[in-house]
Amino acid sequence: FVYAVSIFLRILHVLVVAPPTEEIGRDTLKEIRRTANLMQLIAIVEQVPCLSCHVAAKLLRLMNYVIRYVVHYGTVGDVSKPKLQNLKLLSDYTTRYAESMVHLLKLTKDRVLDPSEQILGLEMCRFMSTLVSAAPLLFSVADNPEVKKECV
């Protein structure tokens, strides 16, 4: 199952980063960013060990690109800016893995992180950097007061 999840994430990444047509790229961005689809994607990734085939890192890399692309290039067709609710879902997902990474980092005096742990840590840092830079822009246009309150 882990290989299927890994392949699925690679396919989504290619469809976003180098789509065969512009329309396919827009449609992929739009579908990934729907809250229900994002929740399903996170649920699928959480079914497998996070370090196996780098699935957690692949999800973070994909979502990093999606958020950066839409925030920096504005709306694309009918793909609007990311929702704060989606960013909250992704930050909660990242936080769950960050707690275990902090524990691993405390052990680095005794052992070196293996390559899969290093890759996950790098993708977590990259994603959180993008999230922190995107949040103020998105917070100003958010319309749901409850989501704003949770994000603060």
Protein backbone atom coordinates (compact mmCIF):
# COMPACT_ATOMS: atom_id res chain seq x y z
CA PHE A 1 0.00 0.00 0.00
CA VAL A 2 2.88 2.39 0.78
CA TYR A 3 4.14 2.12 -2.81
CA ALA A 4 0.70 3.00 -4.19
CA VAL A 5 0.51 6.07 -1.93
CA SER A 6 4.01 7.11 -2.93
CA ILE A 7 3.24 6.75 -6.64
CA PHE A 8 -0.02 8.65 -6.23
CA LEU A 9 1.80 11.57 -4.59
CA ARG A 10 4.43 11.57 -7.35
CA ILE A 11 1.71 11.70 -10.00
CA LEU A 12 -0.01 14.62 -8.24
CA HIS A 13 3.33 16.42 -7.97
CA VAL A 14 4.00 16.04 -11.69
CA LEU A 15 0.48 17.20 -12.55
CA VAL A 16 1.03 20.36 -10.50
CA VAL A 17 4.67 21.12 -11.30
CA ALA A 18 4.83 20.08 -14.97
CA PRO A 19 1.28 19.49 -16.22
CA PRO A 20 0.79 18.20 -19.79
CA THR A 21 -1.60 21.11 -20.42
CA GLU A 22 -2.42 24.29 -18.55
CA GLU A 23 -6.00 23.11 -18.04
CA ILE A 24 -4.85 19.89 -16.36
CA GLY A 25 -2.60 21.91 -14.04
CA ARG A 26 -5.46 24.23 -13.06
CA ASP A 27 -7.85 21.33 -12.51
CA THR A 28 -5.31 19.48 -10.39
CA LEU A 29 -4.65 22.57 -8.24
CA LYS A 30 -8.37 23.10 -7.81
CA GLU A 31 -9.03 19.49 -6.78
CA ILE A 32 -6.10 19.23 -4.38
CA ARG A 33 -7.17 22.40 -2.63
CA ARG A 34 -10.74 21.34 -1.94
CA THR A 35 -10.99 20.80 1.80
CA ALA A 36 -12.66 17.38 1.50
CA ASN A 37 -10.01 16.16 -0.96
CA LEU A 38 -7.20 17.51 1.22
CA MET A 39 -8.62 15.73 4.26
CA GLN A 40 -8.80 12.47 2.28
CA LEU A 41 -5.26 12.92 1.01
CA ILE A 42 -3.96 13.46 4.55
CA ALA A 43 -5.94 10.44 5.78
CA ILE A 44 -4.43 8.25 3.05
CA VAL A 45 -0.90 9.39 3.84
CA GLU A 46 -1.45 8.79 7.55
CA GLN A 47 -2.30 5.14 6.84
CA VAL A 48 1.34 4.36 6.05
CA PRO A 49 4.55 4.98 8.03
CA CYS A 50 5.66 8.56 7.39
CA LEU A 51 9.25 7.68 6.54
CA SER A 52 8.43 4.81 4.19
CA CYS A 53 9.04 5.96 0.62
CA HIS A 54 9.14 9.52 2.02
CA VAL A 55 5.33 9.80 1.81
CA ALA A 56 5.03 12.53 4.46
CA ALA A 57 7.82 14.52 2.81
CA LYS A 58 6.18 14.10 -0.60
CA LEU A 59 2.86 15.41 0.70
CA LEU A 60 4.56 18.41 2.29
CA ARG A 61 6.54 19.14 -0.88
CA LEU A 62 3.36 18.96 -2.97
CA MET A 63 1.39 21.23 -0.64
CA ASN A 64 4.31 23.63 -0.36
CA TYR A 65 4.30 24.04 -4.11
CA VAL A 66 0.50 24.41 -4.29
CA ILE A 67 0.44 27.14 -1.63
CA ARG A 68 3.46 28.99 -3.05
CA TYR A 69 2.13 28.86 -6.58
CA VAL A 70 -1.29 30.22 -5.80
CA VAL A 71 -0.10 32.84 -3.28
CA HIS A 72 2.67 34.20 -5.50
CA TYR A 73 0.87 34.02 -8.83
CA GLY A 74 -2.58 34.98 -7.59
CA THR A 75 -5.69 33.22 -8.74
CA VAL A 76 -5.26 30.81 -11.60
CA GLY A 77 -8.44 30.52 -13.65
CA ASP A 78 -11.03 29.56 -11.08
CA VAL A 79 -8.42 28.44 -8.53
CA SER A 80 -8.56 30.95 -5.71
CA LYS A 81 -6.05 31.57 -2.96
CA PRO A 82 -5.65 28.77 -0.38
CA LYS A 83 -8.20 28.69 2.43
CA LEU A 84 -7.04 29.26 5.99
CA GLN A 85 -8.92 26.11 6.94
CA ASN A 86 -6.70 24.07 4.60
CA LEU A 87 -3.58 25.70 5.99
CA LYS A 88 -4.75 24.82 9.49
CA LEU A 89 -5.27 21.18 8.46
CA LEU A 90 -1.77 21.05 6.99
CA SER A 91 -0.16 22.79 9.95
CA ASP A 92 -1.83 20.31 12.33
CA TYR A 93 -0.54 17.46 10.16
CA THR A 94 2.98 18.92 10.24
CA THR A 95 2.82 19.53 13.99
CA ARG A 96 2.12 15.85 14.64
CA TYR A 97 5.37 14.90 12.92
CA ALA A 98 7.31 17.87 14.27
CA GLU A 99 6.88 16.63 17.82
CA SER A 100 8.57 13.32 17.00
CA MET A 101 11.27 15.14 15.01
CA VAL A 102 12.10 17.31 18.03
CA HIS A 103 12.62 14.13 20.04
CA LEU A 104 14.90 12.75 17.30
CA LEU A 105 16.86 16.01 17.13
CA LYS A 106 17.50 15.82 20.87
CA LEU A 107 19.13 12.43 20.26
CA THR A 108 21.53 13.72 17.58
CA LYS A 109 24.37 13.88 20.10
CA ASP A 110 24.17 10.08 20.27
CA ARG A 111 23.26 9.32 16.66
CA VAL A 112 22.95 10.94 13.25
CA LEU A 113 19.55 11.31 11.61
CA ASP A 114 19.11 8.84 8.79
CA PRO A 115 18.49 10.20 5.28
CA SER A 116 14.71 9.74 5.40
CA GLU A 117 14.51 11.65 8.70
CA GLN A 118 16.67 14.42 7.24
CA ILE A 119 14.43 14.69 4.16
CA LEU A 120 11.28 14.85 6.27
CA GLY A 121 12.84 17.52 8.49
CA LEU A 122 13.87 19.57 5.46
CA GLU A 123 10.40 19.37 3.90
CA MET A 124 8.80 20.30 7.22
CA CYS A 125 11.01 23.39 7.45
CA ARG A 126 10.31 24.32 3.84
CA PHE A 127 6.55 23.90 4.28
CA MET A 128 6.43 25.84 7.56
CA SER A 129 8.43 28.66 5.98
CA THR A 130 5.93 28.88 3.14
CA LEU A 131 3.03 28.65 5.56
CA VAL A 132 4.37 31.48 7.73
CA SER A 133 4.91 33.72 4.71
CA ALA A 134 1.47 32.92 3.23
CA ALA A 135 -0.61 33.18 6.40
CA PRO A 136 -0.66 37.01 6.74
CA LEU A 137 -1.74 37.41 3.12
CA LEU A 138 -4.50 34.87 3.48
CA PHE A 139 -5.58 36.00 6.93
CA SER A 140 -6.43 39.44 5.60
CA VAL A 141 -8.88 38.03 3.02
CA ALA A 142 -10.38 35.22 5.15
CA ASP A 143 -14.09 35.52 5.78
CA ASN A 144 -14.76 32.91 8.48
CA PRO A 145 -14.20 34.41 11.97
CA GLU A 146 -13.99 30.97 13.64
CA VAL A 147 -11.17 29.87 11.33
CA LYS A 148 -9.37 33.18 11.89
CA LYS A 149 -9.63 32.69 15.65
CA GLU A 150 -8.21 29.12 15.43
CA CYS A 151 -5.35 30.27 13.22
CA VAL A 152 -4.31 33.03 15.60
